[in-house]
């Protein structure tokens, strides 16, 4: 889910004490948006 990536980003910044995305770590996102999407929960829209 889109909001989980943002949550991980916040945690990384806090632990790394660095305001760069993901606290300055190199980040590699792997996948294909044409395949299985995030699962919607209740009425909430699930975004990539």
ModelCIF file with pLDDT and N, C-alpha, C, O atoms, coordinates in Angstrom:
data_MODEL
#
_entry.id   MODEL 
#
_entity.id                         1 
_entity.type                       polymer 
_entity.pdbx_number_of_molecules   1 
#
_entity_poly.entity_id                      1 
_entity_poly.type                           'polypeptide(L)' 
_entity_poly.nstd_linkage                   no 
_entity_poly.nstd_monomer                   no 
_entity_poly.pdbx_seq_one_letter_code       
;(UNK)(UNK)(UNK)(UNK)(UNK)(UNK)(UNK)(UNK)(UNK)(UNK)(UNK)(UNK)(UNK)(UNK)(UNK)(UNK)
(UNK)(UNK)(UNK)(UNK)(UNK)(UNK)(UNK)(UNK)(UNK)(UNK)(UNK)(UNK)(UNK)(UNK)(UNK)(UNK)
(UNK)(UNK)(UNK)(UNK)(UNK)(UNK)(UNK)(UNK)(UNK)(UNK)(UNK)(UNK)(UNK)(UNK)(UNK)(UNK)
;
_entity_poly.pdbx_seq_one_letter_code_can   XXXXXXXXXXXXXXXXXXXXXXXXXXXXXXXXXXXXXXXXXXXXXXXX 
_entity_poly.pdbx_strand_id                 A 
#
loop_
_entity_poly_seq.entity_id 
_entity_poly_seq.num 
_entity_poly_seq.mon_id 
_entity_poly_seq.hetero 
1 1  UNK n 
1 2  UNK n 
1 3  UNK n 
1 4  UNK n 
1 5  UNK n 
1 6  UNK n 
1 7  UNK n 
1 8  UNK n 
1 9  UNK n 
1 10 UNK n 
1 11 UNK n 
1 12 UNK n 
1 13 UNK n 
1 14 UNK n 
1 15 UNK n 
1 16 UNK n 
1 17 UNK n 
1 18 UNK n 
1 19 UNK n 
1 20 UNK n 
1 21 UNK n 
1 22 UNK n 
1 23 UNK n 
1 24 UNK n 
1 25 UNK n 
1 26 UNK n 
1 27 UNK n 
1 28 UNK n 
1 29 UNK n 
1 30 UNK n 
1 31 UNK n 
1 32 UNK n 
1 33 UNK n 
1 34 UNK n 
1 35 UNK n 
1 36 UNK n 
1 37 UNK n 
1 38 UNK n 
1 39 UNK n 
1 40 UNK n 
1 41 UNK n 
1 42 UNK n 
1 43 UNK n 
1 44 UNK n 
1 45 UNK n 
1 46 UNK n 
1 47 UNK n 
1 48 UNK n 
#
_struct_asym.id          A 
_struct_asym.entity_id   1 
#
loop_
_ma_qa_metric.id 
_ma_qa_metric.mode 
_ma_qa_metric.name 
_ma_qa_metric.software_group_id 
_ma_qa_metric.type 
1 global pLDDT . pLDDT 
2 local  pLDDT . pLDDT 
#
_ma_qa_metric_global.metric_id      1 
_ma_qa_metric_global.metric_value   89.35 
_ma_qa_metric_global.model_id       1 
_ma_qa_metric_global.ordinal_id     1 
#
loop_
_ma_qa_metric_local.label_asym_id 
_ma_qa_metric_local.label_comp_id 
_ma_qa_metric_local.label_seq_id 
_ma_qa_metric_local.metric_id 
_ma_qa_metric_local.metric_value 
_ma_qa_metric_local.model_id 
_ma_qa_metric_local.ordinal_id 
A UNK 1  2 92.00 1 1  
A UNK 2  2 93.00 1 2  
A UNK 3  2 91.00 1 3  
A UNK 4  2 92.00 1 4  
A UNK 5  2 95.00 1 5  
A UNK 6  2 94.00 1 6  
A UNK 7  2 93.00 1 7  
A UNK 8  2 95.00 1 8  
A UNK 9  2 95.00 1 9  
A UNK 10 2 93.00 1 10 
A UNK 11 2 93.00 1 11 
A UNK 12 2 94.00 1 12 
A UNK 13 2 94.00 1 13 
A UNK 14 2 91.00 1 14 
A UNK 15 2 92.00 1 15 
A UNK 16 2 92.00 1 16 
A UNK 17 2 91.00 1 17 
A UNK 18 2 94.00 1 18 
A UNK 19 2 94.00 1 19 
A UNK 20 2 96.00 1 20 
A UNK 21 2 96.00 1 21 
A UNK 22 2 96.00 1 22 
A UNK 23 2 95.00 1 23 
A UNK 24 2 96.00 1 24 
A UNK 25 2 97.00 1 25 
A UNK 26 2 98.00 1 26 
A UNK 27 2 98.00 1 27 
A UNK 28 2 98.00 1 28 
A UNK 29 2 97.00 1 29 
A UNK 30 2 96.00 1 30 
A UNK 31 2 94.00 1 31 
A UNK 32 2 93.00 1 32 
A UNK 33 2 94.00 1 33 
A UNK 34 2 92.00 1 34 
A UNK 35 2 88.00 1 35 
A UNK 36 2 84.00 1 36 
A UNK 37 2 86.00 1 37 
A UNK 38 2 87.00 1 38 
A UNK 39 2 80.00 1 39 
A UNK 40 2 71.00 1 40 
A UNK 41 2 69.00 1 41 
A UNK 42 2 63.00 1 42 
A UNK 43 2 59.00 1 43 
A UNK 44 2 67.00 1 44 
A UNK 45 2 72.00 1 45 
A UNK 46 2 77.00 1 46 
A UNK 47 2 89.00 1 47 
A UNK 48 2 93.00 1 48 
#
loop_
_atom_site.group_PDB 
_atom_site.id 
_atom_site.type_symbol 
_atom_site.label_atom_id 
_atom_site.label_alt_id 
_atom_site.label_comp_id 
_atom_site.label_asym_id 
_atom_site.label_entity_id 
_atom_site.label_seq_id 
_atom_site.pdbx_PDB_ins_code 
_atom_site.Cartn_x 
_atom_site.Cartn_y 
_atom_site.Cartn_z 
_atom_site.occupancy 
_atom_site.B_iso_or_equiv 
_atom_site.pdbx_formal_charge 
_atom_site.auth_seq_id 
_atom_site.auth_comp_id 
_atom_site.auth_asym_id 
_atom_site.auth_atom_id 
_atom_site.pdbx_PDB_model_num 
ATOM 1   N N  . UNK A 1 1  ? 0.830   -1.201 0.000   1.00 92.00 ? 1  UNK A N  1 
ATOM 2   C CA . UNK A 1 1  ? 0.000   0.000  0.000   1.00 92.00 ? 1  UNK A CA 1 
ATOM 3   C C  . UNK A 1 1  ? 0.868   1.256  0.000   1.00 92.00 ? 1  UNK A C  1 
ATOM 4   O O  . UNK A 1 1  ? 1.958   1.272  0.571   1.00 92.00 ? 1  UNK A O  1 
ATOM 5   N N  . UNK A 1 2  ? 0.365   2.315  -0.652  1.00 93.00 ? 2  UNK A N  1 
ATOM 6   C CA . UNK A 1 2  ? 1.118   3.569  -0.756  1.00 93.00 ? 2  UNK A CA 1 
ATOM 7   C C  . UNK A 1 2  ? 1.449   4.145  0.622   1.00 93.00 ? 2  UNK A C  1 
ATOM 8   O O  . UNK A 1 2  ? 2.550   4.652  0.838   1.00 93.00 ? 2  UNK A O  1 
ATOM 9   N N  . UNK A 1 3  ? 0.487   4.065  1.560   1.00 91.00 ? 3  UNK A N  1 
ATOM 10  C CA . UNK A 1 3  ? 0.716   4.668  2.878   1.00 91.00 ? 3  UNK A CA 1 
ATOM 11  C C  . UNK A 1 3  ? 1.759   3.891  3.675   1.00 91.00 ? 3  UNK A C  1 
ATOM 12  O O  . UNK A 1 3  ? 2.394   4.453  4.568   1.00 91.00 ? 3  UNK A O  1 
ATOM 13  N N  . UNK A 1 4  ? 1.946   2.605  3.369   1.00 92.00 ? 4  UNK A N  1 
ATOM 14  C CA . UNK A 1 4  ? 2.957   1.824  4.095   1.00 92.00 ? 4  UNK A CA 1 
ATOM 15  C C  . UNK A 1 4  ? 4.366   2.232  3.668   1.00 92.00 ? 4  UNK A C  1 
ATOM 16  O O  . UNK A 1 4  ? 5.284   2.266  4.488   1.00 92.00 ? 4  UNK A O  1 
ATOM 17  N N  . UNK A 1 5  ? 4.533   2.542  2.382   1.00 95.00 ? 5  UNK A N  1 
ATOM 18  C CA . UNK A 1 5  ? 5.854   2.996  1.938   1.00 95.00 ? 5  UNK A CA 1 
ATOM 19  C C  . UNK A 1 5  ? 6.205   4.301  2.653   1.00 95.00 ? 5  UNK A C  1 
ATOM 20  O O  . UNK A 1 5  ? 7.348   4.496  3.066   1.00 95.00 ? 5  UNK A O  1 
ATOM 21  N N  . UNK A 1 6  ? 5.223   5.192  2.798   1.00 94.00 ? 6  UNK A N  1 
ATOM 22  C CA . UNK A 1 6  ? 5.466   6.447  3.523   1.00 94.00 ? 6  UNK A CA 1 
ATOM 23  C C  . UNK A 1 6  ? 5.788   6.183  4.993   1.00 94.00 ? 6  UNK A C  1 
ATOM 24  O O  . UNK A 1 6  ? 6.631   6.865  5.577   1.00 94.00 ? 6  UNK A O  1 
ATOM 25  N N  . UNK A 1 7  ? 5.125   5.203  5.587   1.00 93.00 ? 7  UNK A N  1 
ATOM 26  C CA . UNK A 1 7  ? 5.380   4.856  6.988   1.00 93.00 ? 7  UNK A CA 1 
ATOM 27  C C  . UNK A 1 7  ? 6.813   4.354  7.166   1.00 93.00 ? 7  UNK A C  1 
ATOM 28  O O  . UNK A 1 7  ? 7.509   4.746  8.103   1.00 93.00 ? 7  UNK A O  1 
ATOM 29  N N  . UNK A 1 8  ? 7.242   3.474  6.247   1.00 95.00 ? 8  UNK A N  1 
ATOM 30  C CA . UNK A 1 8  ? 8.614   2.945  6.308   1.00 95.00 ? 8  UNK A CA 1 
ATOM 31  C C  . UNK A 1 8  ? 9.617   4.082  6.134   1.00 95.00 ? 8  UNK A C  1 
ATOM 32  O O  . UNK A 1 8  ? 10.652  4.107  6.799   1.00 95.00 ? 8  UNK A O  1 
ATOM 33  N N  . UNK A 1 9  ? 9.311   5.016  5.245   1.00 95.00 ? 9  UNK A N  1 
ATOM 34  C CA . UNK A 1 9  ? 10.180  6.175  5.025   1.00 95.00 ? 9  UNK A CA 1 
ATOM 35  C C  . UNK A 1 9  ? 10.359  6.980  6.314   1.00 95.00 ? 9  UNK A C  1 
ATOM 36  O O  . UNK A 1 9  ? 11.473  7.381  6.649   1.00 95.00 ? 9  UNK A O  1 
ATOM 37  N N  . UNK A 1 10 ? 9.257   7.217  7.034   1.00 93.00 ? 10 UNK A N  1 
ATOM 38  C CA . UNK A 1 10 ? 9.326   7.979  8.293   1.00 93.00 ? 10 UNK A CA 1 
ATOM 39  C C  . UNK A 1 10 ? 10.191  7.262  9.327   1.00 93.00 ? 10 UNK A C  1 
ATOM 40  O O  . UNK A 1 10 ? 11.006  7.882  10.010  1.00 93.00 ? 10 UNK A O  1 
ATOM 41  N N  . UNK A 1 11 ? 10.000  5.949  9.430   1.00 93.00 ? 11 UNK A N  1 
ATOM 42  C CA . UNK A 1 11 ? 10.775  5.164  10.401  1.00 93.00 ? 11 UNK A CA 1 
ATOM 43  C C  . UNK A 1 11 ? 12.268  5.221  10.050  1.00 93.00 ? 11 UNK A C  1 
ATOM 44  O O  . UNK A 1 11 ? 13.114  5.389  10.928  1.00 93.00 ? 11 UNK A O  1 
ATOM 45  N N  . UNK A 1 12 ? 12.575  5.081  8.768   1.00 94.00 ? 12 UNK A N  1 
ATOM 46  C CA . UNK A 1 12 ? 13.979  5.119  8.332   1.00 94.00 ? 12 UNK A CA 1 
ATOM 47  C C  . UNK A 1 12 ? 14.620  6.480  8.638   1.00 94.00 ? 12 UNK A C  1 
ATOM 48  O O  . UNK A 1 12 ? 15.752  6.544  9.116   1.00 94.00 ? 12 UNK A O  1 
ATOM 49  N N  . UNK A 1 13 ? 13.895  7.554  8.361   1.00 94.00 ? 13 UNK A N  1 
ATOM 50  C CA . UNK A 1 13 ? 14.423  8.902  8.630   1.00 94.00 ? 13 UNK A CA 1 
ATOM 51  C C  . UNK A 1 13 ? 14.714  9.082  10.116  1.00 94.00 ? 13 UNK A C  1 
ATOM 52  O O  . UNK A 1 13 ? 15.737  9.655  10.492  1.00 94.00 ? 13 UNK A O  1 
ATOM 53  N N  . UNK A 1 14 ? 13.799  8.585  10.964  1.00 91.00 ? 14 UNK A N  1 
ATOM 54  C CA . UNK A 1 14 ? 13.971  8.739  12.409  1.00 91.00 ? 14 UNK A CA 1 
ATOM 55  C C  . UNK A 1 14 ? 15.197  7.967  12.906  1.00 91.00 ? 14 UNK A C  1 
ATOM 56  O O  . UNK A 1 14 ? 16.031  8.513  13.629  1.00 91.00 ? 14 UNK A O  1 
ATOM 57  N N  . UNK A 1 15 ? 15.296  6.706  12.515  1.00 92.00 ? 15 UNK A N  1 
ATOM 58  C CA . UNK A 1 15 ? 16.407  5.890  12.994  1.00 92.00 ? 15 UNK A CA 1 
ATOM 59  C C  . UNK A 1 15 ? 17.744  6.362  12.436  1.00 92.00 ? 15 UNK A C  1 
ATOM 60  O O  . UNK A 1 15 ? 18.764  6.312  13.124  1.00 92.00 ? 15 UNK A O  1 
ATOM 61  N N  . UNK A 1 16 ? 17.735  6.820  11.185  1.00 92.00 ? 16 UNK A N  1 
ATOM 62  C CA . UNK A 1 16 ? 18.984  7.273  10.563  1.00 92.00 ? 16 UNK A CA 1 
ATOM 63  C C  . UNK A 1 16 ? 19.322  8.724  10.938  1.00 92.00 ? 16 UNK A C  1 
ATOM 64  O O  . UNK A 1 16 ? 20.425  9.204  10.676  1.00 92.00 ? 16 UNK A O  1 
ATOM 65  N N  . UNK A 1 17 ? 18.326  9.428  11.572  1.00 91.00 ? 17 UNK A N  1 
ATOM 66  C CA . UNK A 1 17 ? 18.500  10.844 11.897  1.00 91.00 ? 17 UNK A CA 1 
ATOM 67  C C  . UNK A 1 17 ? 18.945  11.618 10.656  1.00 91.00 ? 17 UNK A C  1 
ATOM 68  O O  . UNK A 1 17 ? 19.904  12.390 10.678  1.00 91.00 ? 17 UNK A O  1 
ATOM 69  N N  . UNK A 1 18 ? 18.209  11.378 9.585   1.00 94.00 ? 18 UNK A N  1 
ATOM 70  C CA . UNK A 1 18 ? 18.559  11.943 8.279   1.00 94.00 ? 18 UNK A CA 1 
ATOM 71  C C  . UNK A 1 18 ? 17.259  12.236 7.543   1.00 94.00 ? 18 UNK A C  1 
ATOM 72  O O  . UNK A 1 18 ? 16.399  11.363 7.431   1.00 94.00 ? 18 UNK A O  1 
ATOM 73  N N  . UNK A 1 19 ? 17.110  13.461 7.040   1.00 94.00 ? 19 UNK A N  1 
ATOM 74  C CA . UNK A 1 19 ? 15.852  13.875 6.407   1.00 94.00 ? 19 UNK A CA 1 
ATOM 75  C C  . UNK A 1 19 ? 15.738  13.458 4.939   1.00 94.00 ? 19 UNK A C  1 
ATOM 76  O O  . UNK A 1 19 ? 14.702  13.680 4.311   1.00 94.00 ? 19 UNK A O  1 
ATOM 77  N N  . UNK A 1 20 ? 16.790  12.858 4.392   1.00 96.00 ? 20 UNK A N  1 
ATOM 78  C CA . UNK A 1 20 ? 16.699  12.370 3.017   1.00 96.00 ? 20 UNK A CA 1 
ATOM 79  C C  . UNK A 1 20 ? 15.724  11.204 2.944   1.00 96.00 ? 20 UNK A C  1 
ATOM 80  O O  . UNK A 1 20 ? 15.498  10.540 3.956   1.00 96.00 ? 20 UNK A O  1 
ATOM 81  N N  . UNK A 1 21 ? 15.129  10.927 1.760   1.00 96.00 ? 21 UNK A N  1 
ATOM 82  C CA . UNK A 1 21 ? 14.222  9.787  1.637   1.00 96.00 ? 21 UNK A CA 1 
ATOM 83  C C  . UNK A 1 21 ? 14.857  8.509  2.191   1.00 96.00 ? 21 UNK A C  1 
ATOM 84  O O  . UNK A 1 21 ? 15.988  8.170  1.841   1.00 96.00 ? 21 UNK A O  1 
ATOM 85  N N  . UNK A 1 22 ? 14.136  7.815  3.041   1.00 96.00 ? 22 UNK A N  1 
ATOM 86  C CA . UNK A 1 22 ? 14.591  6.567  3.680   1.00 96.00 ? 22 UNK A CA 1 
ATOM 87  C C  . UNK A 1 22 ? 15.914  6.752  4.426   1.00 96.00 ? 22 UNK A C  1 
ATOM 88  O O  . UNK A 1 22 ? 16.730  5.836  4.534   1.00 96.00 ? 22 UNK A O  1 
ATOM 89  N N  . UNK A 1 23 ? 16.091  7.980  4.939   1.00 95.00 ? 23 UNK A N  1 
ATOM 90  C CA . UNK A 1 23 ? 17.270  8.253  5.760   1.00 95.00 ? 23 UNK A CA 1 
ATOM 91  C C  . UNK A 1 23 ? 18.570  8.172  5.007   1.00 95.00 ? 23 UNK A C  1 
ATOM 92  O O  . UNK A 1 23 ? 19.627  7.998  5.613   1.00 95.00 ? 23 UNK A O  1 
ATOM 93  N N  . UNK A 1 24 ? 18.514  8.297  3.689   1.00 96.00 ? 24 UNK A N  1 
ATOM 94  C CA . UNK A 1 24 ? 19.728  8.305  2.876   1.00 96.00 ? 24 UNK A CA 1 
ATOM 95  C C  . UNK A 1 24 ? 20.181  6.947  2.389   1.00 96.00 ? 24 UNK A C  1 
ATOM 96  O O  . UNK A 1 24 ? 21.201  6.857  1.706   1.00 96.00 ? 24 UNK A O  1 
ATOM 97  N N  . UNK A 1 25 ? 19.449  5.871  2.721   1.00 97.00 ? 25 UNK A N  1 
ATOM 98  C CA . UNK A 1 25 ? 19.804  4.548  2.191   1.00 97.00 ? 25 UNK A CA 1 
ATOM 99  C C  . UNK A 1 25 ? 19.489  4.473  0.694   1.00 97.00 ? 25 UNK A C  1 
ATOM 100 O O  . UNK A 1 25 ? 18.584  5.150  0.205   1.00 97.00 ? 25 UNK A O  1 
ATOM 101 N N  . UNK A 1 26 ? 20.245  3.643  -0.022  1.00 98.00 ? 26 UNK A N  1 
ATOM 102 C CA . UNK A 1 26 ? 19.850  3.310  -1.385  1.00 98.00 ? 26 UNK A CA 1 
ATOM 103 C C  . UNK A 1 26 ? 18.622  2.399  -1.294  1.00 98.00 ? 26 UNK A C  1 
ATOM 104 O O  . UNK A 1 26 ? 18.630  1.414  -0.555  1.00 98.00 ? 26 UNK A O  1 
ATOM 105 N N  . UNK A 1 27 ? 17.580  2.727  -2.040  1.00 98.00 ? 27 UNK A N  1 
ATOM 106 C CA . UNK A 1 27 ? 16.343  1.952  -1.990  1.00 98.00 ? 27 UNK A CA 1 
ATOM 107 C C  . UNK A 1 27 ? 16.072  1.349  -3.362  1.00 98.00 ? 27 UNK A C  1 
ATOM 108 O O  . UNK A 1 27 ? 16.118  2.038  -4.381  1.00 98.00 ? 27 UNK A O  1 
ATOM 109 N N  . UNK A 1 28 ? 15.788  0.050  -3.367  1.00 98.00 ? 28 UNK A N  1 
ATOM 110 C CA . UNK A 1 28 ? 15.477  -0.653 -4.611  1.00 98.00 ? 28 UNK A CA 1 
ATOM 111 C C  . UNK A 1 28 ? 14.076  -1.248 -4.477  1.00 98.00 ? 28 UNK A C  1 
ATOM 112 O O  . UNK A 1 28 ? 13.847  -2.161 -3.684  1.00 98.00 ? 28 UNK A O  1 
ATOM 113 N N  . UNK A 1 29 ? 13.155  -0.717 -5.260  1.00 97.00 ? 29 UNK A N  1 
ATOM 114 C CA . UNK A 1 29 ? 11.790  -1.232 -5.297  1.00 97.00 ? 29 UNK A CA 1 
ATOM 115 C C  . UNK A 1 29 ? 11.679  -2.160 -6.504  1.00 97.00 ? 29 UNK A C  1 
ATOM 116 O O  . UNK A 1 29 ? 12.034  -1.780 -7.620  1.00 97.00 ? 29 UNK A O  1 
ATOM 117 N N  . UNK A 1 30 ? 11.190  -3.366 -6.280  1.00 96.00 ? 30 UNK A N  1 
ATOM 118 C CA . UNK A 1 30 ? 11.141  -4.374 -7.352  1.00 96.00 ? 30 UNK A CA 1 
ATOM 119 C C  . UNK A 1 30 ? 9.699   -4.850 -7.520  1.00 96.00 ? 30 UNK A C  1 
ATOM 120 O O  . UNK A 1 30 ? 9.031   -5.179 -6.540  1.00 96.00 ? 30 UNK A O  1 
ATOM 121 N N  . UNK A 1 31 ? 9.229   -4.885 -8.749  1.00 94.00 ? 31 UNK A N  1 
ATOM 122 C CA . UNK A 1 31 ? 7.877   -5.390 -8.964  1.00 94.00 ? 31 UNK A CA 1 
ATOM 123 C C  . UNK A 1 31 ? 7.293   -4.905 -10.272 1.00 94.00 ? 31 UNK A C  1 
ATOM 124 O O  . UNK A 1 31 ? 7.949   -4.222 -11.059 1.00 94.00 ? 31 UNK A O  1 
ATOM 125 N N  . UNK A 1 32 ? 6.038   -5.279 -10.485 1.00 93.00 ? 32 UNK A N  1 
ATOM 126 C CA . UNK A 1 32 ? 5.339   -4.990 -11.734 1.00 93.00 ? 32 UNK A CA 1 
ATOM 127 C C  . UNK A 1 32 ? 3.904   -4.616 -11.390 1.00 93.00 ? 32 UNK A C  1 
ATOM 128 O O  . UNK A 1 32 ? 3.140   -5.451 -10.906 1.00 93.00 ? 32 UNK A O  1 
ATOM 129 N N  . UNK A 1 33 ? 3.535   -3.361 -11.638 1.00 94.00 ? 33 UNK A N  1 
ATOM 130 C CA . UNK A 1 33 ? 2.206   -2.881 -11.267 1.00 94.00 ? 33 UNK A CA 1 
ATOM 131 C C  . UNK A 1 33 ? 1.076   -3.537 -12.060 1.00 94.00 ? 33 UNK A C  1 
ATOM 132 O O  . UNK A 1 33 ? -0.096  -3.355 -11.730 1.00 94.00 ? 33 UNK A O  1 
ATOM 133 N N  . UNK A 1 34 ? 1.415   -4.293 -13.098 1.00 92.00 ? 34 UNK A N  1 
ATOM 134 C CA . UNK A 1 34 ? 0.380   -5.015 -13.842 1.00 92.00 ? 34 UNK A CA 1 
ATOM 135 C C  . UNK A 1 34 ? 0.011   -6.334 -13.155 1.00 92.00 ? 34 UNK A C  1 
ATOM 136 O O  . UNK A 1 34 ? -0.926  -7.018 -13.568 1.00 92.00 ? 34 UNK A O  1 
ATOM 137 N N  . UNK A 1 35 ? 0.758   -6.682 -12.105 1.00 88.00 ? 35 UNK A N  1 
ATOM 138 C CA . UNK A 1 35 ? 0.468   -7.925 -11.404 1.00 88.00 ? 35 UNK A CA 1 
ATOM 139 C C  . UNK A 1 35 ? -0.414  -7.634 -10.187 1.00 88.00 ? 35 UNK A C  1 
ATOM 140 O O  . UNK A 1 35 ? -1.104  -6.615 -10.168 1.00 88.00 ? 35 UNK A O  1 
ATOM 141 N N  . UNK A 1 36 ? -0.408  -8.495 -9.182  1.00 84.00 ? 36 UNK A N  1 
ATOM 142 C CA . UNK A 1 36 ? -1.395  -8.385 -8.105  1.00 84.00 ? 36 UNK A CA 1 
ATOM 143 C C  . UNK A 1 36 ? -1.267  -7.063 -7.349  1.00 84.00 ? 36 UNK A C  1 
ATOM 144 O O  . UNK A 1 36 ? -0.166  -6.669 -6.962  1.00 84.00 ? 36 UNK A O  1 
ATOM 145 N N  . UNK A 1 37 ? -2.402  -6.374 -7.137  1.00 86.00 ? 37 UNK A N  1 
ATOM 146 C CA . UNK A 1 37 ? -2.399  -5.058 -6.481  1.00 86.00 ? 37 UNK A CA 1 
ATOM 147 C C  . UNK A 1 37 ? -2.480  -5.182 -4.960  1.00 86.00 ? 37 UNK A C  1 
ATOM 148 O O  . UNK A 1 37 ? -2.670  -6.278 -4.433  1.00 86.00 ? 37 UNK A O  1 
ATOM 149 N N  . UNK A 1 38 ? -2.333  -4.041 -4.247  1.00 87.00 ? 38 UNK A N  1 
ATOM 150 C CA . UNK A 1 38 ? -2.568  -4.069 -2.800  1.00 87.00 ? 38 UNK A CA 1 
ATOM 151 C C  . UNK A 1 38 ? -4.026  -4.457 -2.538  1.00 87.00 ? 38 UNK A C  1 
ATOM 152 O O  . UNK A 1 38 ? -4.909  -4.170 -3.347  1.00 87.00 ? 38 UNK A O  1 
ATOM 153 N N  . UNK A 1 39 ? -4.266  -5.110 -1.405  1.00 80.00 ? 39 UNK A N  1 
ATOM 154 C CA . UNK A 1 39 ? -5.627  -5.545 -1.078  1.00 80.00 ? 39 UNK A CA 1 
ATOM 155 C C  . UNK A 1 39 ? -6.384  -4.406 -0.406  1.00 80.00 ? 39 UNK A C  1 
ATOM 156 O O  . UNK A 1 39 ? -5.917  -3.835 0.580   1.00 80.00 ? 39 UNK A O  1 
ATOM 157 N N  . UNK A 1 40 ? -7.563  -4.078 -0.950  1.00 71.00 ? 40 UNK A N  1 
ATOM 158 C CA . UNK A 1 40 ? -8.399  -3.035 -0.350  1.00 71.00 ? 40 UNK A CA 1 
ATOM 159 C C  . UNK A 1 40 ? -8.974  -3.544 0.971   1.00 71.00 ? 40 UNK A C  1 
ATOM 160 O O  . UNK A 1 40 ? -9.348  -4.710 1.090   1.00 71.00 ? 40 UNK A O  1 
ATOM 161 N N  . UNK A 1 41 ? -9.037  -2.653 1.957   1.00 69.00 ? 41 UNK A N  1 
ATOM 162 C CA . UNK A 1 41 ? -9.596  -3.010 3.269   1.00 69.00 ? 41 UNK A CA 1 
ATOM 163 C C  . UNK A 1 41 ? -10.874 -2.210 3.476   1.00 69.00 ? 41 UNK A C  1 
ATOM 164 O O  . UNK A 1 41 ? -10.843 -0.981 3.530   1.00 69.00 ? 41 UNK A O  1 
ATOM 165 N N  . UNK A 1 42 ? -11.995 -2.912 3.591   1.00 63.00 ? 42 UNK A N  1 
ATOM 166 C CA . UNK A 1 42 ? -13.283 -2.245 3.803   1.00 63.00 ? 42 UNK A CA 1 
ATOM 167 C C  . UNK A 1 42 ? -13.601 -1.308 2.654   1.00 63.00 ? 42 UNK A C  1 
ATOM 168 O O  . UNK A 1 42 ? -13.536 -1.692 1.486   1.00 63.00 ? 42 UNK A O  1 
ATOM 169 N N  . UNK A 1 43 ? -13.947 -0.070 2.997   1.00 59.00 ? 43 UNK A N  1 
ATOM 170 C CA . UNK A 1 43 ? -14.298 0.915  1.961   1.00 59.00 ? 43 UNK A CA 1 
ATOM 171 C C  . UNK A 1 43 ? -13.084 1.700  1.484   1.00 59.00 ? 43 UNK A C  1 
ATOM 172 O O  . UNK A 1 43 ? -13.184 2.514  0.566   1.00 59.00 ? 43 UNK A O  1 
ATOM 173 N N  . UNK A 1 44 ? -11.937 1.454  2.113   1.00 67.00 ? 44 UNK A N  1 
ATOM 174 C CA . UNK A 1 44 ? -10.749 2.248  1.793   1.00 67.00 ? 44 UNK A CA 1 
ATOM 175 C C  . UNK A 1 44 ? -10.148 1.830  0.463   1.00 67.00 ? 44 UNK A C  1 
ATOM 176 O O  . UNK A 1 44 ? -9.979  0.642  0.189   1.00 67.00 ? 44 UNK A O  1 
ATOM 177 N N  . UNK A 1 45 ? -9.825  2.831  -0.367  1.00 72.00 ? 45 UNK A N  1 
ATOM 178 C CA . UNK A 1 45 ? -9.212  2.570  -1.669  1.00 72.00 ? 45 UNK A CA 1 
ATOM 179 C C  . UNK A 1 45 ? -7.757  2.150  -1.474  1.00 72.00 ? 45 UNK A C  1 
ATOM 180 O O  . UNK A 1 45 ? -7.025  2.754  -0.689  1.00 72.00 ? 45 UNK A O  1 
ATOM 181 N N  . UNK A 1 46 ? -7.349  1.106  -2.200  1.00 77.00 ? 46 UNK A N  1 
ATOM 182 C CA . UNK A 1 46 ? -5.952  0.661  -2.126  1.00 77.00 ? 46 UNK A CA 1 
ATOM 183 C C  . UNK A 1 46 ? -5.190  1.211  -3.325  1.00 77.00 ? 46 UNK A C  1 
ATOM 184 O O  . UNK A 1 46 ? -5.524  0.912  -4.472  1.00 77.00 ? 46 UNK A O  1 
ATOM 185 N N  . UNK A 1 47 ? -4.175  2.008  -3.058  1.00 89.00 ? 47 UNK A N  1 
ATOM 186 C CA . UNK A 1 47 ? -3.376  2.602  -4.138  1.00 89.00 ? 47 UNK A CA 1 
ATOM 187 C C  . UNK A 1 47 ? -1.997  1.957  -4.200  1.00 89.00 ? 47 UNK A C  1 
ATOM 188 O O  . UNK A 1 47 ? -1.442  1.540  -3.184  1.00 89.00 ? 47 UNK A O  1 
ATOM 189 N N  . UNK A 1 48 ? -1.457  1.885  -5.414  1.00 93.00 ? 48 UNK A N  1 
ATOM 190 C CA . UNK A 1 48 ? -0.089  1.420  -5.603  1.00 93.00 ? 48 UNK A CA 1 
ATOM 191 C C  . UNK A 1 48 ? 0.879   2.449  -5.001  1.00 93.00 ? 48 UNK A C  1 
ATOM 192 O O  . UNK A 1 48 ? 2.094   2.256  -5.050  1.00 93.00 ? 48 UNK A O  1 
#
